[in-house]
Amino acid sequence: RRTTSWSAAMLPHVAIGFYHLIFGYFVSAPLLEA
C-alpha cells in the first residue's frame, strides 16, 4: 500500500528484509554485546 518502486515479485523479499532489520537486531543482541 505504500510503495510503487518494487514489483509484486520483489515485495516479499522487501518484507523479509524489513523483518530482519527489526527482529534480527533483538535476536542478535547477545552476540552483538559479546
All heavy atoms as atom14 arrays in JSON, in Angstrom:
{
  "sequence": "RRTTSWSAAMLPHVAIGFYHLIFGYFVSAPLLEA",
  "atom14_mask": [
    [1, 1, 1, 1, 1, 1, 1, 1, 1, 1, 1, 0, 0, 0],
    [1, 1, 1, 1, 1, 1, 1, 1, 1, 1, 1, 0, 0, 0],
    [1, 1, 1, 1, 1, 1, 1, 0, 0, 0, 0, 0, 0, 0],
    [1, 1, 1, 1, 1, 1, 1, 0, 0, 0, 0, 0, 0, 0],
    [1, 1, 1, 1, 1, 1, 0, 0, 0, 0, 0, 0, 0, 0],
    [1, 1, 1, 1, 1, 1, 1, 1, 1, 1, 1, 1, 1, 1],
    [1, 1, 1, 1, 1, 1, 0, 0, 0, 0, 0, 0, 0, 0],
    [1, 1, 1, 1, 1, 0, 0, 0, 0, 0, 0, 0, 0, 0],
    [1, 1, 1, 1, 1, 0, 0, 0, 0, 0, 0, 0, 0, 0],
    [1, 1, 1, 1, 1, 1, 1, 1, 0, 0, 0, 0, 0, 0],
    [1, 1, 1, 1, 1, 1, 1, 1, 0, 0, 0, 0, 0, 0],
    [1, 1, 1, 1, 1, 1, 1, 0, 0, 0, 0, 0, 0, 0],
    [1, 1, 1, 1, 1, 1, 1, 1, 1, 1, 0, 0, 0, 0],
    [1, 1, 1, 1, 1, 1, 1, 0, 0, 0, 0, 0, 0, 0],
    [1, 1, 1, 1, 1, 0, 0, 0, 0, 0, 0, 0, 0, 0],
    [1, 1, 1, 1, 1, 1, 1, 1, 0, 0, 0, 0, 0, 0],
    [1, 1, 1, 1, 0, 0, 0, 0, 0, 0, 0, 0, 0, 0],
    [1, 1, 1, 1, 1, 1, 1, 1, 1, 1, 1, 0, 0, 0],
    [1, 1, 1, 1, 1, 1, 1, 1, 1, 1, 1, 1, 0, 0],
    [1, 1, 1, 1, 1, 1, 1, 1, 1, 1, 0, 0, 0, 0],
    [1, 1, 1, 1, 1, 1, 1, 1, 0, 0, 0, 0, 0, 0],
    [1, 1, 1, 1, 1, 1, 1, 1, 0, 0, 0, 0, 0, 0],
    [1, 1, 1, 1, 1, 1, 1, 1, 1, 1, 1, 0, 0, 0],
    [1, 1, 1, 1, 0, 0, 0, 0, 0, 0, 0, 0, 0, 0],
    [1, 1, 1, 1, 1, 1, 1, 1, 1, 1, 1, 1, 0, 0],
    [1, 1, 1, 1, 1, 1, 1, 1, 1, 1, 1, 0, 0, 0],
    [1, 1, 1, 1, 1, 1, 1, 0, 0, 0, 0, 0, 0, 0],
    [1, 1, 1, 1, 1, 1, 0, 0, 0, 0, 0, 0, 0, 0],
    [1, 1, 1, 1, 1, 0, 0, 0, 0, 0, 0, 0, 0, 0],
    [1, 1, 1, 1, 1, 1, 1, 0, 0, 0, 0, 0, 0, 0],
    [1, 1, 1, 1, 1, 1, 1, 1, 0, 0, 0, 0, 0, 0],
    [1, 1, 1, 1, 1, 1, 1, 1, 0, 0, 0, 0, 0, 0],
    [1, 1, 1, 1, 1, 1, 1, 1, 1, 0, 0, 0, 0, 0],
    [1, 1, 1, 1, 1, 0, 0, 0, 0, 0, 0, 0, 0, 0]
  ],
  "atom14_positions": [
    [[0.82, -1.22, 0.0], [0.0, 0.0, 0.0], [0.84, 1.26, 0.0], [0.33, 2.36, -0.19], [-0.9, 0.01, 1.25], [-1.93, -1.1, 1.31], [-3.13, -0.79, 0.46], [-3.84, 0.39, 0.94], [-4.82, 0.36, 1.83], [-5.19, -0.79, 2.37], [-5.44, 1.47, 2.18], [0.0, 0.0, 0.0], [0.0, 0.0, 0.0], [0.0, 0.0, 0.0]],
    [[2.16, 1.12, 0.24], [2.99, 2.3, 0.44], [4.11, 2.46, -0.59], [4.87, 3.4, -0.5], [3.61, 2.26, 1.85], [2.59, 2.5, 2.96], [2.12, 3.94, 2.93], [0.97, 4.14, 3.79], [-0.29, 4.11, 3.38], [-0.54, 3.85, 2.11], [-1.28, 4.31, 4.21], [0.0, 0.0, 0.0], [0.0, 0.0, 0.0], [0.0, 0.0, 0.0]],
    [[4.25, 1.53, -1.51], [5.37, 1.65, -2.43], [4.96, 1.28, -3.85], [4.13, 0.4, -4.05], [6.55, 0.75, -2.0], [7.64, 0.9, -2.92], [6.15, -0.72, -1.95], [0.0, 0.0, 0.0], [0.0, 0.0, 0.0], [0.0, 0.0, 0.0], [0.0, 0.0, 0.0], [0.0, 0.0, 0.0], [0.0, 0.0, 0.0], [0.0, 0.0, 0.0]],
    [[5.55, 1.99, -4.78], [5.38, 1.66, -6.2], [6.73, 1.35, -6.83], [6.82, 1.16, -8.03], [4.72, 2.84, -6.94], [5.56, 4.0, -6.79], [3.34, 3.14, -6.41], [0.0, 0.0, 0.0], [0.0, 0.0, 0.0], [0.0, 0.0, 0.0], [0.0, 0.0, 0.0], [0.0, 0.0, 0.0], [0.0, 0.0, 0.0], [0.0, 0.0, 0.0]],
    [[7.76, 1.31, -6.0], [9.1, 1.14, -6.55], [9.54, -0.32, -6.62], [10.61, -0.61, -7.14], [10.11, 1.93, -5.69], [10.05, 1.51, -4.34], [0.0, 0.0, 0.0], [0.0, 0.0, 0.0], [0.0, 0.0, 0.0], [0.0, 0.0, 0.0], [0.0, 0.0, 0.0], [0.0, 0.0, 0.0], [0.0, 0.0, 0.0], [0.0, 0.0, 0.0]],
    [[8.7, -1.24, -6.1], [9.05, -2.65, -6.12], [7.96, -3.43, -6.84], [6.77, -3.17, -6.65], [9.21, -3.2, -4.7], [10.31, -2.55, -3.94], [10.19, -1.51, -3.07], [11.7, -2.89, -3.98], [11.42, -1.16, -2.56], [12.37, -2.0, -3.1], [12.45, -3.84, -4.66], [13.73, -2.04, -2.9], [13.82, -3.89, -4.45], [14.44, -3.0, -3.58]],
    [[8.37, -4.4, -7.62], [7.4, -5.25, -8.3], [6.74, -6.19, -7.29], [7.24, -6.38, -6.17], [8.09, -6.09, -9.38], [8.98, -7.02, -8.78], [0.0, 0.0, 0.0], [0.0, 0.0, 0.0], [0.0, 0.0, 0.0], [0.0, 0.0, 0.0], [0.0, 0.0, 0.0], [0.0, 0.0, 0.0], [0.0, 0.0, 0.0], [0.0, 0.0, 0.0]],
    [[5.61, -6.77, -7.69], [4.91, -7.71, -6.81], [5.8, -8.9, -6.46], [5.72, -9.43, -5.35], [3.63, -8.19, -7.48], [0.0, 0.0, 0.0], [0.0, 0.0, 0.0], [0.0, 0.0, 0.0], [0.0, 0.0, 0.0], [0.0, 0.0, 0.0], [0.0, 0.0, 0.0], [0.0, 0.0, 0.0], [0.0, 0.0, 0.0], [0.0, 0.0, 0.0]],
    [[6.66, -9.29, -7.38], [7.55, -10.42, -7.12], [8.63, -10.08, -6.09], [9.11, -10.97, -5.38], [8.21, -10.87, -8.43], [0.0, 0.0, 0.0], [0.0, 0.0, 0.0], [0.0, 0.0, 0.0], [0.0, 0.0, 0.0], [0.0, 0.0, 0.0], [0.0, 0.0, 0.0], [0.0, 0.0, 0.0], [0.0, 0.0, 0.0], [0.0, 0.0, 0.0]],
    [[9.0, -8.8, -5.99], [10.07, -8.4, -5.08], [9.56, -8.01, -3.69], [10.32, -8.02, -2.72], [10.84, -7.22, -5.67], [11.64, -7.56, -6.91], [12.9, -8.83, -6.59], [14.01, -7.94, -5.5], [0.0, 0.0, 0.0], [0.0, 0.0, 0.0], [0.0, 0.0, 0.0], [0.0, 0.0, 0.0], [0.0, 0.0, 0.0], [0.0, 0.0, 0.0]],
    [[8.28, -7.66, -3.57], [7.75, -7.21, -2.29], [7.95, -8.22, -1.15], [8.28, -7.82, -0.03], [6.26, -6.87, -2.42], [5.94, -5.42, -2.76], [4.44, -5.23, -2.88], [6.51, -4.47, -1.71], [0.0, 0.0, 0.0], [0.0, 0.0, 0.0], [0.0, 0.0, 0.0], [0.0, 0.0, 0.0], [0.0, 0.0, 0.0], [0.0, 0.0, 0.0]],
    [[7.76, -9.52, -1.39], [8.02, -10.47, -0.29], [9.45, -10.39, 0.22], [9.69, -10.54, 1.43], [7.74, -11.84, -0.94], [6.76, -11.54, -2.02], [7.17, -10.2, -2.55], [0.0, 0.0, 0.0], [0.0, 0.0, 0.0], [0.0, 0.0, 0.0], [0.0, 0.0, 0.0], [0.0, 0.0, 0.0], [0.0, 0.0, 0.0], [0.0, 0.0, 0.0]],
    [[10.41, -10.12, -0.66], [11.8, -10.01, -0.24], [12.03, -8.72, 0.55], [12.84, -8.69, 1.48], [12.72, -10.07, -1.46], [12.63, -11.37, -2.19], [13.34, -12.48, -1.81], [11.88, -11.75, -3.25], [13.06, -13.49, -2.63], [12.17, -13.07, -3.49], [0.0, 0.0, 0.0], [0.0, 0.0, 0.0], [0.0, 0.0, 0.0], [0.0, 0.0, 0.0]],
    [[11.32, -7.65, 0.18], [11.4, -6.41, 0.95], [10.85, -6.64, 2.36], [11.44, -6.19, 3.35], [10.6, -5.29, 0.24], [10.63, -4.01, 1.08], [11.17, -5.02, -1.14], [0.0, 0.0, 0.0], [0.0, 0.0, 0.0], [0.0, 0.0, 0.0], [0.0, 0.0, 0.0], [0.0, 0.0, 0.0], [0.0, 0.0, 0.0], [0.0, 0.0, 0.0]],
    [[9.74, -7.37, 2.45], [9.15, -7.67, 3.76], [10.11, -8.51, 4.61], [10.26, -8.27, 5.82], [7.83, -8.41, 3.58], [0.0, 0.0, 0.0], [0.0, 0.0, 0.0], [0.0, 0.0, 0.0], [0.0, 0.0, 0.0], [0.0, 0.0, 0.0], [0.0, 0.0, 0.0], [0.0, 0.0, 0.0], [0.0, 0.0, 0.0], [0.0, 0.0, 0.0]],
    [[10.78, -9.47, 3.99], [11.74, -10.31, 4.72], [12.91, -9.46, 5.23], [13.36, -9.59, 6.37], [12.25, -11.45, 3.83], [11.12, -12.43, 3.54], [13.42, -12.18, 4.47], [11.42, -13.44, 2.45], [0.0, 0.0, 0.0], [0.0, 0.0, 0.0], [0.0, 0.0, 0.0], [0.0, 0.0, 0.0], [0.0, 0.0, 0.0], [0.0, 0.0, 0.0]],
    [[13.41, -8.57, 4.37], [14.5, -7.69, 4.78], [14.1, -6.79, 5.93], [14.87, -6.58, 6.88], [0.0, 0.0, 0.0], [0.0, 0.0, 0.0], [0.0, 0.0, 0.0], [0.0, 0.0, 0.0], [0.0, 0.0, 0.0], [0.0, 0.0, 0.0], [0.0, 0.0, 0.0], [0.0, 0.0, 0.0], [0.0, 0.0, 0.0], [0.0, 0.0, 0.0]],
    [[12.9, -6.25, 5.85], [12.38, -5.39, 6.9], [12.27, -6.17, 8.22], [12.63, -5.67, 9.3], [11.01, -4.84, 6.47], [10.33, -3.97, 7.49], [11.02, -2.99, 8.17], [8.98, -4.13, 7.74], [10.38, -2.18, 9.11], [8.34, -3.33, 8.67], [9.03, -2.36, 9.35], [0.0, 0.0, 0.0], [0.0, 0.0, 0.0], [0.0, 0.0, 0.0]],
    [[11.79, -7.4, 8.13], [11.68, -8.27, 9.31], [13.05, -8.44, 9.98], [13.19, -8.31, 11.2], [11.1, -9.62, 8.91], [11.22, -10.67, 9.99], [10.26, -10.78, 10.99], [12.3, -11.56, 10.01], [10.37, -11.73, 11.99], [12.42, -12.51, 11.0], [11.45, -12.59, 11.98], [11.58, -13.54, 12.97], [0.0, 0.0, 0.0], [0.0, 0.0, 0.0]],
    [[14.07, -8.71, 9.19], [15.39, -8.95, 9.76], [15.99, -7.68, 10.35], [16.73, -7.75, 11.35], [16.32, -9.54, 8.7], [16.08, -11.0, 8.46], [16.37, -11.97, 9.39], [15.55, -11.66, 7.39], [16.05, -13.15, 8.92], [15.55, -12.99, 7.71], [0.0, 0.0, 0.0], [0.0, 0.0, 0.0], [0.0, 0.0, 0.0], [0.0, 0.0, 0.0]],
    [[15.69, -6.53, 9.77], [16.21, -5.28, 10.32], [15.7, -5.03, 11.74], [16.43, -4.5, 12.58], [15.82, -4.1, 9.43], [16.6, -3.9, 8.13], [15.99, -2.77, 7.33], [18.07, -3.64, 8.43], [0.0, 0.0, 0.0], [0.0, 0.0, 0.0], [0.0, 0.0, 0.0], [0.0, 0.0, 0.0], [0.0, 0.0, 0.0], [0.0, 0.0, 0.0]],
    [[14.46, -5.41, 12.0], [13.88, -5.16, 13.32], [14.05, -6.38, 14.24], [14.68, -6.31, 15.29], [12.4, -4.78, 13.21], [12.25, -3.44, 12.49], [11.76, -4.68, 14.6], [10.84, -2.93, 12.42], [0.0, 0.0, 0.0], [0.0, 0.0, 0.0], [0.0, 0.0, 0.0], [0.0, 0.0, 0.0], [0.0, 0.0, 0.0], [0.0, 0.0, 0.0]],
    [[13.49, -7.51, 13.85], [13.51, -8.68, 14.7], [14.93, -9.25, 14.84], [15.33, -9.69, 15.91], [12.57, -9.76, 14.14], [11.12, -9.42, 14.29], [10.53, -8.45, 13.49], [10.32, -10.07, 15.21], [9.18, -8.13, 13.61], [8.98, -9.77, 15.35], [8.41, -8.79, 14.54], [0.0, 0.0, 0.0], [0.0, 0.0, 0.0], [0.0, 0.0, 0.0]],
    [[15.67, -9.22, 13.74], [17.03, -9.76, 13.77], [17.93, -9.02, 14.72], [18.86, -9.6, 15.3], [0.0, 0.0, 0.0], [0.0, 0.0, 0.0], [0.0, 0.0, 0.0], [0.0, 0.0, 0.0], [0.0, 0.0, 0.0], [0.0, 0.0, 0.0], [0.0, 0.0, 0.0], [0.0, 0.0, 0.0], [0.0, 0.0, 0.0], [0.0, 0.0, 0.0]],
    [[17.69, -7.74, 14.91], [18.51, -6.96, 15.84], [18.39, -7.51, 17.26], [19.39, -7.69, 17.96], [18.1, -5.49, 15.81], [18.87, -4.62, 16.77], [20.14, -4.15, 16.43], [18.34, -4.26, 18.0], [20.86, -3.35, 17.31], [19.06, -3.46, 18.89], [20.32, -3.02, 18.53], [21.03, -2.23, 19.4], [0.0, 0.0, 0.0], [0.0, 0.0, 0.0]],
    [[17.16, -7.8, 17.68], [16.95, -8.3, 19.04], [17.39, -9.76, 19.18], [17.86, -10.16, 20.25], [15.48, -8.13, 19.43], [15.1, -6.69, 19.62], [14.47, -5.99, 18.6], [15.39, -6.02, 20.8], [14.12, -4.66, 18.76], [15.05, -4.69, 20.97], [14.42, -4.01, 19.95], [0.0, 0.0, 0.0], [0.0, 0.0, 0.0], [0.0, 0.0, 0.0]],
    [[17.26, -10.53, 18.11], [17.76, -11.91, 18.15], [19.27, -11.91, 18.32], [19.83, -12.72, 19.07], [17.37, -12.67, 16.86], [18.08, -14.01, 16.78], [15.86, -12.87, 16.79], [0.0, 0.0, 0.0], [0.0, 0.0, 0.0], [0.0, 0.0, 0.0], [0.0, 0.0, 0.0], [0.0, 0.0, 0.0], [0.0, 0.0, 0.0], [0.0, 0.0, 0.0]],
    [[19.95, -10.99, 17.63], [21.42, -10.95, 17.63], [22.0, -10.12, 18.77], [23.22, -10.03, 18.88], [21.92, -10.37, 16.3], [21.44, -11.12, 15.21], [0.0, 0.0, 0.0], [0.0, 0.0, 0.0], [0.0, 0.0, 0.0], [0.0, 0.0, 0.0], [0.0, 0.0, 0.0], [0.0, 0.0, 0.0], [0.0, 0.0, 0.0], [0.0, 0.0, 0.0]],
    [[21.17, -9.53, 19.6], [21.66, -8.63, 20.65], [22.72, -9.29, 21.55], [23.76, -8.67, 21.82], [20.5, -8.11, 21.49], [0.0, 0.0, 0.0], [0.0, 0.0, 0.0], [0.0, 0.0, 0.0], [0.0, 0.0, 0.0], [0.0, 0.0, 0.0], [0.0, 0.0, 0.0], [0.0, 0.0, 0.0], [0.0, 0.0, 0.0], [0.0, 0.0, 0.0]],
    [[22.53, -10.53, 22.01], [23.58, -11.13, 22.85], [24.91, -11.28, 22.11], [25.98, -11.07, 22.7], [23.0, -12.5, 23.22], [21.52, -12.32, 23.11], [21.34, -11.4, 21.95], [0.0, 0.0, 0.0], [0.0, 0.0, 0.0], [0.0, 0.0, 0.0], [0.0, 0.0, 0.0], [0.0, 0.0, 0.0], [0.0, 0.0, 0.0], [0.0, 0.0, 0.0]],
    [[24.86, -11.62, 20.82], [26.08, -11.73, 20.04], [26.74, -10.37, 19.85], [27.97, -10.25, 19.97], [25.76, -12.35, 18.67], [26.93, -12.47, 17.69], [28.01, -13.38, 18.24], [26.44, -12.99, 16.34], [0.0, 0.0, 0.0], [0.0, 0.0, 0.0], [0.0, 0.0, 0.0], [0.0, 0.0, 0.0], [0.0, 0.0, 0.0], [0.0, 0.0, 0.0]],
    [[25.95, -9.35, 19.56], [26.49, -8.0, 19.39], [27.16, -7.52, 20.67], [28.23, -6.9, 20.63], [25.37, -7.04, 18.99], [24.69, -7.29, 17.64], [23.52, -6.34, 17.46], [25.69, -7.13, 16.51], [0.0, 0.0, 0.0], [0.0, 0.0, 0.0], [0.0, 0.0, 0.0], [0.0, 0.0, 0.0], [0.0, 0.0, 0.0], [0.0, 0.0, 0.0]],
    [[26.55, -7.82, 21.81], [27.11, -7.38, 23.08], [28.42, -8.1, 23.39], [29.35, -7.51, 23.93], [26.08, -7.61, 24.18], [24.88, -6.67, 24.06], [23.78, -6.96, 25.07], [23.86, -8.02, 25.72], [22.86, -6.14, 25.2], [0.0, 0.0, 0.0], [0.0, 0.0, 0.0], [0.0, 0.0, 0.0], [0.0, 0.0, 0.0], [0.0, 0.0, 0.0]],
    [[28.49, -9.39, 23.01], [29.7, -10.17, 23.29], [30.82, -9.84, 22.31], [31.99, -9.7, 22.71], [29.38, -11.66, 23.25], [0.0, 0.0, 0.0], [0.0, 0.0, 0.0], [0.0, 0.0, 0.0], [0.0, 0.0, 0.0], [0.0, 0.0, 0.0], [0.0, 0.0, 0.0], [0.0, 0.0, 0.0], [0.0, 0.0, 0.0], [0.0, 0.0, 0.0]]
  ]
}
